[in-house]
C-alpha atoms as a PDB file:
ATOM      1  CA  MET A   1     -29.034  27.026  33.455  1.00  0.00           C
ATOM      2  CA  SER A   2     -31.749  25.430  34.997  1.00  0.00           C
ATOM      3  CA  THR A   3     -32.232  21.958  36.036  1.00  0.00           C
ATOM      4  CA  HIS A   4     -35.318  21.631  35.345  1.00  0.00           C
ATOM      5  CA  PRO A   5     -37.203  19.039  32.233  1.00  0.00           C
ATOM      6  CA  LYS A   6     -38.111  21.667  30.353  1.00  0.00           C
ATOM      7  CA  THR A   7     -35.311  24.857  30.920  1.00  0.00           C
ATOM      8  CA  LEU A   8     -32.844  21.773  29.949  1.00  0.00           C
ATOM      9  CA  GLU A   9     -34.493  20.648  26.735  1.00  0.00           C
ATOM     10  CA  VAL A  10     -35.170  23.989  25.584  1.00  0.00           C
ATOM     11  CA  GLU A  11     -31.255  24.646  26.304  1.00  0.00           C
ATOM     12  CA  GLN A  12     -29.887  21.638  24.272  1.00  0.00           C
ATOM     13  CA  MET A  13     -32.244  23.055  21.099  1.00  0.00           C
ATOM     14  CA  LYS A  14     -29.564  25.633  21.212  1.00  0.00           C
ATOM     15  CA  VAL A  15     -26.770  24.131  21.265  1.00  0.00           C
ATOM     16  CA  LEU A  16     -27.579  21.626  18.313  1.00  0.00           C
ATOM     17  CA  PRO A  17     -31.372  23.295  17.340  1.00  0.00           C
ATOM     18  CA  ASN A  18     -31.786  20.073  14.065  1.00  0.00           C
ATOM     19  CA  HIS A  19     -30.909  17.375  16.905  1.00  0.00           C
ATOM     20  CA  PRO A  20     -32.664  14.860  15.204  1.00  0.00           C
ATOM     21  CA  ARG A  21     -32.586  15.555  11.185  1.00  0.00           C
ATOM     22  CA  PHE A  22     -28.425  16.248  12.135  1.00  0.00           C
ATOM     23  CA  LEU A  23     -28.380  12.839  13.183  1.00  0.00           C
ATOM     24  CA  ARG A  24     -30.342  11.174  10.495  1.00  0.00           C
ATOM     25  CA  VAL A  25     -27.974  13.151   7.510  1.00  0.00           C
ATOM     26  CA  ALA A  26     -24.760  10.809   9.329  1.00  0.00           C
ATOM     27  CA  VAL A  27     -26.713   7.761   9.752  1.00  0.00           C
ATOM     28  CA  ALA A  28     -27.645   8.378   5.728  1.00  0.00           C
ATOM     29  CA  LEU A  29     -23.409   9.142   4.749  1.00  0.00           C
ATOM     30  CA  GLY A  30     -22.484   7.221   7.108  1.00  0.00           C
ATOM     31  CA  ILE A  31     -24.195   4.424   5.154  1.00  0.00           C
ATOM     32  CA  VAL A  32     -23.677   5.648   1.864  1.00  0.00           C
ATOM     33  CA  ALA A  33     -20.518   5.501   2.978  1.00  0.00           C
ATOM     34  CA  LEU A  34     -20.529   2.012   4.148  1.00  0.00           C
ATOM     35  CA  THR A  35     -22.019   1.109   0.245  1.00  0.00           C
ATOM     36  CA  GLY A  36     -19.614   2.667  -1.591  1.00  0.00           C
ATOM     37  CA  ALA A  37     -16.301   1.114   0.543  1.00  0.00           C
ATOM     38  CA  CYS A  38     -17.969  -2.223   0.739  1.00  0.00           C
ATOM     39  CA  GLY A  39     -19.168  -2.549  -3.858  1.00  0.00           C
ATOM     40  CA  SER A  40     -15.229  -1.691  -4.427  1.00  0.00           C
ATOM     41  CA  THR A  41     -12.904  -3.826  -5.516  1.00  0.00           C
ATOM     42  CA  THR A  42      -9.508  -3.127  -5.574  1.00  0.00           C
ATOM     43  CA  SER A  43      -6.146  -4.744  -5.859  1.00  0.00           C
ATOM     44  CA  GLY A  44      -5.322  -6.746  -3.335  1.00  0.00           C
ATOM     45  CA  SER A  45      -8.862  -6.654  -1.435  1.00  0.00           C
ATOM     46  CA  ALA A  46     -10.777  -9.408  -0.417  1.00  0.00           C
ATOM     47  CA  GLY A  47     -13.595  -8.338  -2.514  1.00  0.00           C
ATOM     48  CA  THR A  48     -15.510 -10.578  -4.597  1.00  0.00           C
ATOM     49  CA  ALA A  49     -15.645  -9.088  -8.857  1.00  0.00           C
ATOM     50  CA  ALA A  50     -18.221 -10.638 -11.343  1.00  0.00           C
ATOM     51  CA  SER A  51     -16.297 -13.514 -13.773  1.00  0.00           C
ATOM     52  CA  PRO A  52     -15.063 -12.433 -17.277  1.00  0.00           C
ATOM     53  CA  ALA A  53     -17.037 -14.267 -19.343  1.00  0.00           C
ATOM     54  CA  PRO A  54     -15.355 -17.009 -20.187  1.00  0.00           C
ATOM     55  CA  SER A  55     -12.603 -16.646 -23.295  1.00  0.00           C
ATOM     56  CA  ALA A  56      -9.152 -17.981 -24.652  1.00  0.00           C
ATOM     57  CA  ALA A  57      -5.981 -17.937 -21.851  1.00  0.00           C
ATOM     58  CA  ALA A  58      -3.300 -16.308 -23.461  1.00  0.00           C
ATOM     59  CA  GLY A  59      -0.627 -18.711 -25.193  1.00  0.00           C
ATOM     60  CA  VAL A  60      -2.211 -22.684 -23.993  1.00  0.00           C
ATOM     61  CA  ASP A  61       0.061 -24.824 -23.166  1.00  0.00           C
ATOM     62  CA  LEU A  62      -0.952 -28.471 -24.226  1.00  0.00           C
ATOM     63  CA  GLU A  63      -0.276 -31.640 -22.269  1.00  0.00           C
ATOM     64  CA  GLN A  64      -0.775 -35.670 -22.396  1.00  0.00           C
ATOM     65  CA  GLY A  65      -2.504 -37.548 -19.551  1.00  0.00           C
ATOM     66  CA  THR A  66      -3.827 -40.853 -20.205  1.00  0.00           C
ATOM     67  CA  ALA A  67      -7.720 -41.863 -21.014  1.00  0.00           C
ATOM     68  CA  THR A  68      -9.204 -44.938 -21.613  1.00  0.00           C
ATOM     69  CA  VAL A  69     -10.398 -45.140 -25.234  1.00  0.00           C
ATOM     70  CA  MET A  70     -11.835 -48.061 -26.955  1.00  0.00           C
ATOM     71  CA  ASN A  71     -11.308 -50.031 -23.334  1.00  0.00           C
ATOM     72  CA  ALA A  72      -7.489 -49.498 -22.949  1.00  0.00           C
ATOM     73  CA  GLN A  73      -5.096 -46.736 -21.629  1.00  0.00           C
ATOM     74  CA  GLU A  74      -3.936 -44.510 -24.357  1.00  0.00           C
ATOM     75  CA  THR A  75      -1.299 -41.320 -23.926  1.00  0.00           C
ATOM     76  CA  VAL A  76      -3.915 -38.124 -25.074  1.00  0.00           C
ATOM     77  CA  LEU A  77      -3.500 -34.336 -25.485  1.00  0.00           C
ATOM     78  CA  THR A  78      -4.837 -32.360 -22.683  1.00  0.00           C
ATOM     79  CA  SER A  79      -6.428 -29.157 -21.755  1.00  0.00           C
ATOM     80  CA  PRO A  80      -4.791 -26.366 -19.771  1.00  0.00           C
ATOM     81  CA  ASP A  81      -6.761 -28.051 -16.984  1.00  0.00           C
ATOM     82  CA  GLY A  82      -5.994 -31.761 -17.990  1.00  0.00           C
ATOM     83  CA  PHE A  83      -9.527 -32.798 -20.336  1.00  0.00           C
ATOM     84  CA  THR A  84      -9.389 -35.401 -23.025  1.00  0.00           C
ATOM     85  CA  LEU A  85      -9.232 -32.905 -26.015  1.00  0.00           C
ATOM     86  CA  TYR A  86     -10.606 -34.281 -29.480  1.00  0.00           C
ATOM     87  CA  TYR A  87     -10.774 -33.278 -33.398  1.00  0.00           C
ATOM     88  CA  LEU A  88     -13.017 -33.474 -35.729  1.00  0.00           C
ATOM     89  CA  THR A  89     -12.545 -36.306 -39.018  1.00  0.00           C
ATOM     90  CA  VAL A  90     -14.262 -33.577 -41.363  1.00  0.00           C
ATOM     91  CA  ASP A  91     -13.079 -30.698 -39.993  1.00  0.00           C
ATOM     92  CA  THR A  92     -10.734 -28.234 -42.038  1.00  0.00           C
ATOM     93  CA  THR A  93      -8.800 -25.675 -40.198  1.00  0.00           C
ATOM     94  CA  THR A  94     -10.810 -23.082 -42.398  1.00  0.00           C
ATOM     95  CA  ALA A  95     -13.990 -23.716 -42.239  1.00  0.00           C
ATOM     96  CA  PRO A  96     -14.783 -26.181 -39.337  1.00  0.00           C
ATOM     97  CA  LYS A  97     -18.443 -28.249 -39.175  1.00  0.00           C
ATOM     98  CA  CYS A  98     -18.469 -27.674 -35.685  1.00  0.00           C
ATOM     99  CA  THR A  99     -19.843 -23.735 -35.363  1.00  0.00           C
ATOM    100  CA  GLY A 100     -22.855 -22.723 -33.461  1.00  0.00           C
ATOM    101  CA  ALA A 101     -24.664 -25.127 -31.710  1.00  0.00           C
ATOM    102  CA  CYS A 102     -22.350 -28.101 -31.707  1.00  0.00           C
ATOM    103  CA  LEU A 103     -20.138 -25.544 -29.871  1.00  0.00           C
ATOM    104  CA  THR A 104     -22.401 -26.476 -26.649  1.00  0.00           C
ATOM    105  CA  ASN A 105     -21.682 -30.012 -26.069  1.00  0.00           C
ATOM    106  CA  TRP A 106     -17.720 -29.086 -27.706  1.00  0.00           C
ATOM    107  CA  PRO A 107     -16.370 -26.916 -27.109  1.00  0.00           C
ATOM    108  CA  PRO A 108     -13.192 -25.527 -29.069  1.00  0.00           C
ATOM    109  CA  LEU A 109      -9.936 -24.611 -27.456  1.00  0.00           C
ATOM    110  CA  LEU A 110      -8.656 -20.843 -27.549  1.00  0.00           C
ATOM    111  CA  SER A 111      -5.916 -19.783 -27.728  1.00  0.00           C
ATOM    112  CA  LYS A 112      -4.813 -15.365 -27.995  1.00  0.00           C
ATOM    113  CA  GLY A 113      -1.521 -16.844 -27.867  1.00  0.00           C
ATOM    114  CA  ASN A 114       0.654 -19.103 -29.707  1.00  0.00           C
ATOM    115  CA  PRO A 115       0.224 -22.050 -27.602  1.00  0.00           C
ATOM    116  CA  SER A 116       3.300 -25.015 -26.745  1.00  0.00           C
ATOM    117  CA  SER A 117       2.524 -28.271 -24.894  1.00  0.00           C
ATOM    118  CA  MET A 118       4.125 -28.447 -21.660  1.00  0.00           C
ATOM    119  CA  VAL A 119       5.921 -31.625 -22.988  1.00  0.00           C
ATOM    120  CA  PRO A 120       7.918 -31.406 -26.137  1.00  0.00           C
ATOM    121  CA  LEU A 121       5.286 -32.960 -29.151  1.00  0.00           C
ATOM    122  CA  THR A 122       6.378 -34.478 -32.783  1.00  0.00           C
ATOM    123  CA  GLY A 123       3.879 -32.352 -34.436  1.00  0.00           C
ATOM    124  CA  THR A 124       3.430 -28.733 -34.804  1.00  0.00           C
ATOM    125  CA  LEU A 125       0.827 -27.061 -32.872  1.00  0.00           C
ATOM    126  CA  THR A 126      -0.748 -23.783 -34.687  1.00  0.00           C
ATOM    127  CA  VAL A 127      -3.589 -21.146 -34.218  1.00  0.00           C
ATOM    128  CA  VAL A 128      -5.855 -20.832 -36.187  1.00  0.00           C
ATOM    129  CA  MET A 129      -8.525 -18.228 -36.628  1.00  0.00           C
ATOM    130  CA  ASN A 130     -12.254 -18.948 -38.045  1.00  0.00           C
ATOM    131  CA  ALA A 131     -15.845 -18.903 -37.667  1.00  0.00           C
ATOM    132  CA  ASN A 132     -15.003 -20.755 -34.065  1.00  0.00           C
ATOM    133  CA  GLY A 133     -12.624 -17.823 -32.792  1.00  0.00           C
ATOM    134  CA  ASP A 134      -8.543 -18.373 -32.425  1.00  0.00           C
ATOM    135  CA  GLN A 135      -8.841 -21.365 -32.347  1.00  0.00           C
ATOM    136  CA  VAL A 136      -5.452 -24.478 -31.609  1.00  0.00           C
ATOM    137  CA  ALA A 137      -4.804 -26.880 -34.013  1.00  0.00           C
ATOM    138  CA  TYR A 138      -2.365 -29.742 -33.743  1.00  0.00           C
ATOM    139  CA  ASN A 139      -1.155 -31.041 -36.707  1.00  0.00           C
ATOM    140  CA  GLY A 140      -3.761 -29.394 -38.790  1.00  0.00           C
ATOM    141  CA  HIS A 141      -6.242 -30.561 -36.767  1.00  0.00           C
ATOM    142  CA  LEU A 142      -8.524 -28.201 -34.512  1.00  0.00           C
ATOM    143  CA  LEU A 143      -8.756 -28.958 -31.222  1.00  0.00           C
ATOM    144  CA  TYR A 144     -12.107 -29.162 -28.904  1.00  0.00           C
ATOM    145  CA  ARG A 145     -13.025 -30.680 -25.497  1.00  0.00           C
ATOM    146  CA  PHE A 146     -16.125 -32.723 -24.759  1.00  0.00           C
ATOM    147  CA  ALA A 147     -18.770 -31.332 -22.306  1.00  0.00           C
ATOM    148  CA  GLY A 148     -19.737 -35.882 -21.970  1.00  0.00           C
ATOM    149  CA  ASP A 149     -16.040 -35.647 -20.123  1.00  0.00           C
ATOM    150  CA  LYS A 150     -16.401 -35.249 -16.426  1.00  0.00           C
ATOM    151  CA  ALA A 151     -13.134 -35.702 -14.911  1.00  0.00           C
ATOM    152  CA  LYS A 152      -9.578 -36.199 -16.274  1.00  0.00           C
ATOM    153  CA  GLY A 153      -9.118 -39.558 -17.952  1.00  0.00           C
ATOM    154  CA  ASP A 154     -12.223 -39.129 -19.496  1.00  0.00           C
ATOM    155  CA  ALA A 155     -12.312 -40.486 -22.927  1.00  0.00           C
ATOM    156  CA  LYS A 156     -16.474 -40.493 -23.444  1.00  0.00           C
ATOM    157  CA  GLY A 157     -16.794 -38.745 -27.064  1.00  0.00           C
ATOM    158  CA  GLU A 158     -14.533 -41.245 -28.679  1.00  0.00           C
ATOM    159  CA  GLY A 159     -15.940 -42.740 -31.880  1.00  0.00           C
ATOM    160  CA  LEU A 160     -19.125 -40.366 -31.489  1.00  0.00           C
ATOM    161  CA  GLN A 161     -20.641 -39.708 -35.121  1.00  0.00           C
ATOM    162  CA  ALA A 162     -21.794 -36.408 -35.397  1.00  0.00           C
ATOM    163  CA  PHE A 163     -21.485 -33.205 -37.826  1.00  0.00           C
ATOM    164  CA  GLY A 164     -20.629 -35.493 -40.470  1.00  0.00           C
ATOM    165  CA  GLY A 165     -18.092 -36.693 -39.809  1.00  0.00           C
ATOM    166  CA  VAL A 166     -15.728 -38.425 -36.272  1.00  0.00           C
ATOM    167  CA  TRP A 167     -15.335 -37.269 -33.178  1.00  0.00           C
ATOM    168  CA  LYS A 168     -11.383 -39.201 -32.236  1.00  0.00           C
ATOM    169  CA  VAL A 169      -9.676 -38.054 -29.525  1.00  0.00           C
ATOM    170  CA  ALA A 170      -6.538 -36.492 -30.104  1.00  0.00           C
ATOM    171  CA  THR A 171      -2.830 -37.661 -30.138  1.00  0.00           C
ATOM    172  CA  PRO A 172       1.166 -36.553 -29.120  1.00  0.00           C
ATOM    173  CA  SER A 173       0.881 -39.220 -33.172  1.00  0.00           C
ATOM    174  CA  LEU A 174      -1.686 -37.442 -34.368  1.00  0.00           C
ATOM    175  CA  THR A 175      -1.328 -37.020 -38.383  1.00  0.00           C
ATOM    176  CA  VAL A 176      -0.314 -34.577 -40.486  1.00  0.00           C
ATOM    177  CA  ALA A 177      -4.303 -33.332 -41.515  1.00  0.00           C
ATOM    178  CA  GLY A 178      -4.379 -33.317 -44.984  1.00  0.00           C
END
């Protein structure tokens, strides 16, 4: 092999005739491989997956908490995340009055399984299939959260009048509907 620069370049072209093309293909394949690896999520990976749409919990566990209701501390039923639960006085389990736009401010407590309580309750928890989905009821009263409650212990929905009835805090001593 000659040491002349032109001769060296000719010799390299013989060994790697498509060097620039080879390099571009290798870089492109590397990018594709990295993109594919970063975009996948497998069990146990640290990748970020899109959040699933809100849906009913499997077998909701109700709890009890304390909320300020009419300037007094009261024991109330709470959702699994600790927020006060309510019922609408004119609701029936088969024909809820709070549907459609109402659900923006009063999301129903939904469950895909049998609801239970983290503490003993004297009443009965059931799941009723209605226009809102598989909604949890306590002693025949459909249960909802109030979007205006921003912290555990809030009961800002108590006494509000809407949809032909009055919203009331659900308590463990709530009497049977009917």
